[in-house]
Amino acid sequence: MSGEAGKDPVPGRVVRVVEIAARHGAALEVRRGQVVRVVDVEGQQVGDLVCFNRDDLAERYSPQNTILFNRTIYPKVGATLVSDRGRPMMRLVADTVGVHDLICGSCSDEYYRSRLGFHGPHRSCRGNLAEAMAPWGLALEGIPFSFNVFMRWPVQPDGAVLPMAAPSEPGDYADFLAEMDLVVANSACPSDITPTNAHRPTPMRFVLYEPA
């Protein structure tokens, strides 16, 4: 599996590797106790991550509960991703970057049109996540707002958020341990208008593994 797992080999047995094309999304099923690694392949790329209870897709990741239960908007190793029913879904167990966003959600058609003034066709993270989850029967309205992996939009003293390029380098990763059976989806953010992805969206990768 050389070169597939990011900067470091996974501490266990690789089950599956999923390439996520630039500007697109992907989803996979993850069993409780397995770990999904989200890899930035080329650097400075944000991933919009969501997850769902595999046995009841109506239970989904909640950014509000995740902030409330962890009491921080800047999650570090040990932080739990919490569902809209207040249950642990995944736990961040390894992280080579240490920068993520819990408050800004996902880009959408409305965001490009209303906030950025872009009226042409443009892929969005919400659209990517809906495409990725379509095989499980979920549509756009069923997609929650995301855990933004490697996204650096720090909150300023006046409460504003400052869009900055992701600080991740090629091969950087974050590992999430499943606390229940899940479907996990990630969008390789397509934004090339704001500095989020250094104006150059690139691919990402899922590495699913069973820890040793």
C-alpha atoms as a PDB file:
ATOM      1  CA  MET A   1       0.000   0.000   0.000  1.00  0.00           C
ATOM      2  CA  SER A   2       3.017   2.275  -0.423  1.00  0.00           C
ATOM      3  CA  GLY A   3       2.121   5.895  -1.087  1.00  0.00           C
ATOM      4  CA  GLU A   4      -1.586   5.358  -0.485  1.00  0.00           C
ATOM      5  CA  ALA A   5      -1.910   6.008   3.233  1.00  0.00           C
ATOM      6  CA  GLY A   6      -0.409   9.485   3.481  1.00  0.00           C
ATOM      7  CA  LYS A   7       2.808  10.460   5.211  1.00  0.00           C
ATOM      8  CA  ASP A   8       2.716   7.469   7.556  1.00  0.00           C
ATOM      9  CA  PRO A   9       1.693   3.823   7.172  1.00  0.00           C
ATOM     10  CA  VAL A  10      -1.610   2.961   8.794  1.00  0.00           C
ATOM     11  CA  PRO A  11      -1.258   1.182  12.149  1.00  0.00           C
ATOM     12  CA  GLY A  12      -3.255  -1.830  11.050  1.00  0.00           C
ATOM     13  CA  ARG A  13      -4.656  -3.691   8.048  1.00  0.00           C
ATOM     14  CA  VAL A  14      -5.870  -1.660   5.070  1.00  0.00           C
ATOM     15  CA  VAL A  15      -9.387  -2.699   4.052  1.00  0.00           C
ATOM     16  CA  ARG A  16     -10.097  -0.287   1.230  1.00  0.00           C
ATOM     17  CA  VAL A  17      -8.661   2.756  -0.525  1.00  0.00           C
ATOM     18  CA  VAL A  18     -10.993   5.233  -2.268  1.00  0.00           C
ATOM     19  CA  GLU A  19      -9.623   7.992  -4.476  1.00  0.00           C
ATOM     20  CA  ILE A  20     -11.665  11.202  -4.339  1.00  0.00           C
ATOM     21  CA  ALA A  21     -11.273  13.182  -7.541  1.00  0.00           C
ATOM     22  CA  ALA A  22     -10.611  16.907  -7.348  1.00  0.00           C
ATOM     23  CA  ARG A  23     -13.873  18.877  -6.979  1.00  0.00           C
ATOM     24  CA  HIS A  24     -15.876  15.673  -6.320  1.00  0.00           C
ATOM     25  CA  GLY A  25     -16.995  13.514  -3.408  1.00  0.00           C
ATOM     26  CA  ALA A  26     -17.084   9.885  -2.304  1.00  0.00           C
ATOM     27  CA  ALA A  27     -18.684   7.795   0.435  1.00  0.00           C
ATOM     28  CA  LEU A  28     -18.037   4.423   2.021  1.00  0.00           C
ATOM     29  CA  GLU A  29     -19.364   2.201   4.771  1.00  0.00           C
ATOM     30  CA  VAL A  30     -17.278   2.004   7.944  1.00  0.00           C
ATOM     31  CA  ARG A  31     -17.850  -0.576  10.669  1.00  0.00           C
ATOM     32  CA  ARG A  32     -17.586   0.264  14.360  1.00  0.00           C
ATOM     33  CA  GLY A  33     -13.958  -0.047  15.427  1.00  0.00           C
ATOM     34  CA  GLN A  34     -12.568   0.645  11.954  1.00  0.00           C
ATOM     35  CA  VAL A  35     -10.662   3.831  11.169  1.00  0.00           C
ATOM     36  CA  VAL A  36     -11.098   6.014   8.111  1.00  0.00           C
ATOM     37  CA  ARG A  37      -8.092   8.130   7.173  1.00  0.00           C
ATOM     38  CA  VAL A  38      -8.737  11.312   5.175  1.00  0.00           C
ATOM     39  CA  VAL A  39      -5.629  12.155   3.151  1.00  0.00           C
ATOM     40  CA  ASP A  40      -4.719  15.417   1.421  1.00  0.00           C
ATOM     41  CA  VAL A  41      -2.914  14.057  -1.637  1.00  0.00           C
ATOM     42  CA  GLU A  42      -1.263  17.208  -3.020  1.00  0.00           C
ATOM     43  CA  GLY A  43      -1.568  19.717  -0.175  1.00  0.00           C
ATOM     44  CA  GLN A  44      -3.687  22.744   0.798  1.00  0.00           C
ATOM     45  CA  GLN A  45      -6.938  20.890   0.151  1.00  0.00           C
ATOM     46  CA  VAL A  46     -10.015  20.998   2.396  1.00  0.00           C
ATOM     47  CA  GLY A  47     -12.348  18.040   2.845  1.00  0.00           C
ATOM     48  CA  ASP A  48     -15.987  18.485   3.880  1.00  0.00           C
ATOM     49  CA  LEU A  49     -16.717  15.380   5.982  1.00  0.00           C
ATOM     50  CA  VAL A  50     -20.116  14.078   7.121  1.00  0.00           C
ATOM     51  CA  CYS A  51     -21.295  10.771   8.553  1.00  0.00           C
ATOM     52  CA  PHE A  52     -24.535   8.857   9.118  1.00  0.00           C
ATOM     53  CA  ASN A  53     -25.654   5.955  11.291  1.00  0.00           C
ATOM     54  CA  ARG A  54     -25.504   3.016   8.869  1.00  0.00           C
ATOM     55  CA  ASP A  55     -28.583   1.395  10.445  1.00  0.00           C
ATOM     56  CA  ASP A  56     -30.645   4.596  10.640  1.00  0.00           C
ATOM     57  CA  LEU A  57     -29.539   7.241   8.163  1.00  0.00           C
ATOM     58  CA  ALA A  58     -31.820   9.795   9.817  1.00  0.00           C
ATOM     59  CA  GLU A  59     -29.182  10.027  12.559  1.00  0.00           C
ATOM     60  CA  ARG A  60     -26.382  12.168  11.225  1.00  0.00           C
ATOM     61  CA  TYR A  61     -23.381  14.274  12.205  1.00  0.00           C
ATOM     62  CA  SER A  62     -24.228  17.497  14.059  1.00  0.00           C
ATOM     63  CA  PRO A  63     -21.705  20.365  14.089  1.00  0.00           C
ATOM     64  CA  GLN A  64     -23.676  22.070  16.862  1.00  0.00           C
ATOM     65  CA  ASN A  65     -23.575  19.036  19.168  1.00  0.00           C
ATOM     66  CA  THR A  66     -19.925  18.464  18.297  1.00  0.00           C
ATOM     67  CA  ILE A  67     -19.068  21.995  19.442  1.00  0.00           C
ATOM     68  CA  LEU A  68     -21.288  21.693  22.529  1.00  0.00           C
ATOM     69  CA  PHE A  69     -19.992  18.306  23.691  1.00  0.00           C
ATOM     70  CA  ASN A  70     -16.308  19.111  23.037  1.00  0.00           C
ATOM     71  CA  ARG A  71     -16.647  22.743  24.195  1.00  0.00           C
ATOM     72  CA  THR A  72     -14.424  24.019  21.412  1.00  0.00           C
ATOM     73  CA  ILE A  73     -14.624  25.182  17.808  1.00  0.00           C
ATOM     74  CA  TYR A  74     -11.067  23.941  17.196  1.00  0.00           C
ATOM     75  CA  PRO A  75     -11.089  20.119  17.545  1.00  0.00           C
ATOM     76  CA  LYS A  76      -7.880  18.264  18.382  1.00  0.00           C
ATOM     77  CA  VAL A  77      -6.971  14.584  18.737  1.00  0.00           C
ATOM     78  CA  GLY A  78      -9.458  13.026  21.129  1.00  0.00           C
ATOM     79  CA  ALA A  79     -12.411  15.125  19.951  1.00  0.00           C
ATOM     80  CA  THR A  80     -15.663  13.279  19.261  1.00  0.00           C
ATOM     81  CA  LEU A  81     -17.935  13.870  16.277  1.00  0.00           C
ATOM     82  CA  VAL A  82     -21.432  13.836  17.768  1.00  0.00           C
ATOM     83  CA  SER A  83     -24.772  13.035  16.121  1.00  0.00           C
ATOM     84  CA  ASP A  84     -27.953  15.085  16.135  1.00  0.00           C
ATOM     85  CA  ARG A  85     -29.153  12.645  18.804  1.00  0.00           C
ATOM     86  CA  GLY A  86     -26.189  13.412  21.045  1.00  0.00           C
ATOM     87  CA  ARG A  87     -24.367  10.135  20.445  1.00  0.00           C
ATOM     88  CA  PRO A  88     -20.674   9.672  19.570  1.00  0.00           C
ATOM     89  CA  MET A  89     -20.197   8.778  15.902  1.00  0.00           C
ATOM     90  CA  MET A  90     -16.455   9.104  15.278  1.00  0.00           C
ATOM     91  CA  ARG A  91     -13.405  10.097  17.278  1.00  0.00           C
ATOM     92  CA  LEU A  92     -10.376  11.958  15.918  1.00  0.00           C
ATOM     93  CA  VAL A  93      -7.476   9.651  16.838  1.00  0.00           C
ATOM     94  CA  ALA A  94      -4.572  10.926  14.708  1.00  0.00           C
ATOM     95  CA  ASP A  95      -3.918  14.219  12.969  1.00  0.00           C
ATOM     96  CA  THR A  96      -0.834  15.563  11.188  1.00  0.00           C
ATOM     97  CA  VAL A  97      -2.270  19.068  10.719  1.00  0.00           C
ATOM     98  CA  GLY A  98      -4.329  20.024  13.788  1.00  0.00           C
ATOM     99  CA  VAL A  99      -6.444  22.600  11.935  1.00  0.00           C
ATOM    100  CA  HIS A 100     -10.122  21.974  11.175  1.00  0.00           C
ATOM    101  CA  ASP A 101     -13.322  24.028  11.030  1.00  0.00           C
ATOM    102  CA  LEU A 102     -16.629  23.282  12.744  1.00  0.00           C
ATOM    103  CA  ILE A 103     -18.607  26.464  12.123  1.00  0.00           C
ATOM    104  CA  CYS A 104     -18.558  27.476   8.448  1.00  0.00           C
ATOM    105  CA  GLY A 105     -20.374  24.493   6.947  1.00  0.00           C
ATOM    106  CA  SER A 106     -20.214  23.571   3.268  1.00  0.00           C
ATOM    107  CA  CYS A 107     -20.169  25.620   0.085  1.00  0.00           C
ATOM    108  CA  SER A 108     -23.358  25.395  -1.972  1.00  0.00           C
ATOM    109  CA  ASP A 109     -24.929  26.719  -5.155  1.00  0.00           C
ATOM    110  CA  GLU A 110     -26.539  29.463  -3.079  1.00  0.00           C
ATOM    111  CA  TYR A 111     -23.191  30.420  -1.541  1.00  0.00           C
ATOM    112  CA  TYR A 112     -21.486  30.837  -4.912  1.00  0.00           C
ATOM    113  CA  ARG A 113     -24.393  32.827  -6.276  1.00  0.00           C
ATOM    114  CA  SER A 114     -25.430  34.984  -3.308  1.00  0.00           C
ATOM    115  CA  ARG A 115     -22.190  35.480  -1.372  1.00  0.00           C
ATOM    116  CA  LEU A 116     -19.518  35.267  -4.074  1.00  0.00           C
ATOM    117  CA  GLY A 117     -21.528  36.658  -7.005  1.00  0.00           C
ATOM    118  CA  PHE A 118     -20.678  33.694  -9.234  1.00  0.00           C
ATOM    119  CA  HIS A 119     -23.633  32.819 -11.475  1.00  0.00           C
ATOM    120  CA  GLY A 120     -22.145  30.169 -13.767  1.00  0.00           C
ATOM    121  CA  PRO A 121     -22.145  26.418 -13.115  1.00  0.00           C
ATOM    122  CA  HIS A 122     -19.820  25.444 -10.264  1.00  0.00           C
ATOM    123  CA  ARG A 123     -19.516  22.270  -8.231  1.00  0.00           C
ATOM    124  CA  SER A 124     -20.150  22.583  -4.507  1.00  0.00           C
ATOM    125  CA  CYS A 125     -19.473  20.509  -1.418  1.00  0.00           C
ATOM    126  CA  ARG A 126     -23.175  20.104  -0.652  1.00  0.00           C
ATOM    127  CA  GLY A 127     -23.770  18.902  -4.178  1.00  0.00           C
ATOM    128  CA  ASN A 128     -20.773  16.570  -3.999  1.00  0.00           C
ATOM    129  CA  LEU A 129     -21.966  15.072  -0.721  1.00  0.00           C
ATOM    130  CA  ALA A 130     -25.484  14.567  -2.087  1.00  0.00           C
ATOM    131  CA  GLU A 131     -24.039  12.787  -5.131  1.00  0.00           C
ATOM    132  CA  ALA A 132     -21.877  10.597  -2.903  1.00  0.00           C
ATOM    133  CA  MET A 133     -24.814   9.639  -0.664  1.00  0.00           C
ATOM    134  CA  ALA A 134     -27.310   9.041  -3.486  1.00  0.00           C
ATOM    135  CA  PRO A 135     -26.632   5.256  -3.527  1.00  0.00           C
ATOM    136  CA  TRP A 136     -27.912   5.161   0.066  1.00  0.00           C
ATOM    137  CA  GLY A 137     -31.080   7.019  -0.916  1.00  0.00           C
ATOM    138  CA  LEU A 138     -30.217  10.433   0.534  1.00  0.00           C
ATOM    139  CA  ALA A 139     -30.907  13.687  -1.308  1.00  0.00           C
ATOM    140  CA  LEU A 140     -29.507  17.167  -0.771  1.00  0.00           C
ATOM    141  CA  GLU A 141     -31.925  18.063   2.024  1.00  0.00           C
ATOM    142  CA  GLY A 142     -30.643  15.085   4.025  1.00  0.00           C
ATOM    143  CA  ILE A 143     -27.023  16.261   4.013  1.00  0.00           C
ATOM    144  CA  PRO A 144     -25.884  17.933   7.273  1.00  0.00           C
ATOM    145  CA  PHE A 145     -23.340  20.712   7.440  1.00  0.00           C
ATOM    146  CA  SER A 146     -19.850  19.372   7.616  1.00  0.00           C
ATOM    147  CA  PHE A 147     -16.733  18.843   9.674  1.00  0.00           C
ATOM    148  CA  ASN A 148     -14.234  20.745   7.496  1.00  0.00           C
ATOM    149  CA  VAL A 149     -10.994  18.802   7.527  1.00  0.00           C
ATOM    150  CA  PHE A 150      -7.850  20.989   7.253  1.00  0.00           C
ATOM    151  CA  MET A 151      -9.915  24.151   6.728  1.00  0.00           C
ATOM    152  CA  ARG A 152      -8.332  27.316   8.142  1.00  0.00           C
ATOM    153  CA  TRP A 153     -10.886  30.096   8.529  1.00  0.00           C
ATOM    154  CA  PRO A 154      -9.914  31.444  11.971  1.00  0.00           C
ATOM    155  CA  VAL A 155     -12.296  33.565  14.009  1.00  0.00           C
ATOM    156  CA  GLN A 156     -11.043  37.132  14.440  1.00  0.00           C
ATOM    157  CA  PRO A 157     -11.418  39.293  17.583  1.00  0.00           C
ATOM    158  CA  ASP A 158     -14.451  41.026  16.051  1.00  0.00           C
ATOM    159  CA  GLY A 159     -16.149  37.686  15.365  1.00  0.00           C
ATOM    160  CA  ALA A 160     -15.462  37.645  11.620  1.00  0.00           C
ATOM    161  CA  VAL A 161     -13.949  34.564   9.985  1.00  0.00           C
ATOM    162  CA  LEU A 162     -10.863  35.044   7.815  1.00  0.00           C
ATOM    163  CA  PRO A 163     -10.653  32.740   4.762  1.00  0.00           C
ATOM    164  CA  MET A 164      -7.134  31.329   4.472  1.00  0.00           C
ATOM    165  CA  ALA A 165      -5.555  28.501   2.508  1.00  0.00           C
ATOM    166  CA  ALA A 166      -5.503  25.091   4.151  1.00  0.00           C
ATOM    167  CA  PRO A 167      -2.162  24.550   5.952  1.00  0.00           C
ATOM    168  CA  SER A 168      -1.976  20.854   5.026  1.00  0.00           C
ATOM    169  CA  GLU A 169       0.938  19.488   3.003  1.00  0.00           C
ATOM    170  CA  PRO A 170       1.030  16.559   0.563  1.00  0.00           C
ATOM    171  CA  GLY A 171       0.284  13.350   2.432  1.00  0.00           C
ATOM    172  CA  ASP A 172      -1.130  14.987   5.551  1.00  0.00           C
ATOM    173  CA  TYR A 173      -4.035  13.097   7.093  1.00  0.00           C
ATOM    174  CA  ALA A 174      -6.618  12.861   9.854  1.00  0.00           C
ATOM    175  CA  ASP A 175      -7.775   9.500  11.260  1.00  0.00           C
ATOM    176  CA  PHE A 176     -11.345   8.994  12.525  1.00  0.00           C
ATOM    177  CA  LEU A 177     -12.297   5.933  14.599  1.00  0.00           C
ATOM    178  CA  ALA A 178     -15.886   4.804  14.071  1.00  0.00           C
ATOM    179  CA  GLU A 179     -17.885   4.577  17.304  1.00  0.00           C
ATOM    180  CA  MET A 180     -20.871   3.014  15.469  1.00  0.00           C
ATOM    181  CA  ASP A 181     -21.504   1.494  12.052  1.00  0.00           C
ATOM    182  CA  LEU A 182     -21.454   4.427   9.644  1.00  0.00           C
ATOM    183  CA  VAL A 183     -21.647   5.722   6.133  1.00  0.00           C
ATOM    184  CA  VAL A 184     -18.950   8.401   5.820  1.00  0.00           C
ATOM    185  CA  ALA A 185     -18.781  10.889   2.946  1.00  0.00           C
ATOM    186  CA  ASN A 186     -16.166  13.479   2.027  1.00  0.00           C
ATOM    187  CA  SER A 187     -16.068  16.233  -0.584  1.00  0.00           C
ATOM    188  CA  ALA A 188     -12.751  17.406  -1.977  1.00  0.00           C
ATOM    189  CA  CYS A 189     -13.833  21.035  -1.775  1.00  0.00           C
ATOM    190  CA  PRO A 190     -14.149  22.582  -5.253  1.00  0.00           C
ATOM    191  CA  SER A 191     -13.779  26.213  -4.183  1.00  0.00           C
ATOM    192  CA  ASP A 192     -11.321  28.072  -6.406  1.00  0.00           C
ATOM    193  CA  ILE A 193     -12.708  31.569  -5.726  1.00  0.00           C
ATOM    194  CA  THR A 194     -11.800  31.941  -2.047  1.00  0.00           C
ATOM    195  CA  PRO A 195      -8.289  30.997  -0.827  1.00  0.00           C
ATOM    196  CA  THR A 196      -9.655  27.892   0.950  1.00  0.00           C
ATOM    197  CA  ASN A 197      -7.782  25.454  -1.325  1.00  0.00           C
ATOM    198  CA  ALA A 198      -5.114  27.959  -2.416  1.00  0.00           C
ATOM    199  CA  HIS A 199      -7.341  28.599  -5.487  1.00  0.00           C
ATOM    200  CA  ARG A 200      -6.389  25.139  -6.819  1.00  0.00           C
ATOM    201  CA  PRO A 201      -8.718  22.261  -5.867  1.00  0.00           C
ATOM    202  CA  THR A 202      -6.934  18.892  -5.816  1.00  0.00           C
ATOM    203  CA  PRO A 203      -7.786  15.240  -5.026  1.00  0.00           C
ATOM    204  CA  MET A 204      -8.182  13.576  -1.648  1.00  0.00           C
ATOM    205  CA  ARG A 205      -8.214   9.953  -0.514  1.00  0.00           C
ATOM    206  CA  PHE A 206     -10.013   7.678   1.931  1.00  0.00           C
ATOM    207  CA  VAL A 207      -7.987   4.874   3.506  1.00  0.00           C
ATOM    208  CA  LEU A 208     -10.168   2.507   5.524  1.00  0.00           C
ATOM    209  CA  TYR A 209      -8.263   0.304   7.959  1.00  0.00           C
ATOM    210  CA  GLU A 210      -8.671  -2.014  10.906  1.00  0.00           C
ATOM    211  CA  PRO A 211      -6.329  -0.933  13.692  1.00  0.00           C
ATOM    212  CA  ALA A 212      -3.821  -3.442  14.975  1.00  0.00           C
END
